[in-house]
Amino acid sequence: MRYAVQSGIIRYNPALDMAGALTTVKRQHRPALNLSRLPELLSRIDGYKGQPVTRLAVMLNLLVFIRSSELRYARWSEIDIDNAMWTIPAEREPLLA
């Protein structure tokens, strides 16, 4: 909006009226799992009684260290089993601000 005002596209930024009307969501950062609790985590995952695909996805995520979104949006065409390579397209990488 500032660009539009500065460029003369609009005369007034209506978003300024929203100042204070919207609250920012506070993020709660969680500490890493203590290594001593890893056996408990694996046991709980193994004993999970929900959807099998959920349990398998969590286990795979622990093995490949990716964002959960990368796993959810994965396509078989990205995976080269013969060369043990998973190529995640750049357009799916998150943009860092």
Foldseek 3Di string as FASTA:
>chain_A
DVVCCVVVVDVDDPCVVCVPVDDDDDDDDDDDDDPVCVVVVLVCLVVDPPDPVVSVLVVVCVVPVDDSVQVVPADPVQADVVVRDGDRDPVPDDDDD
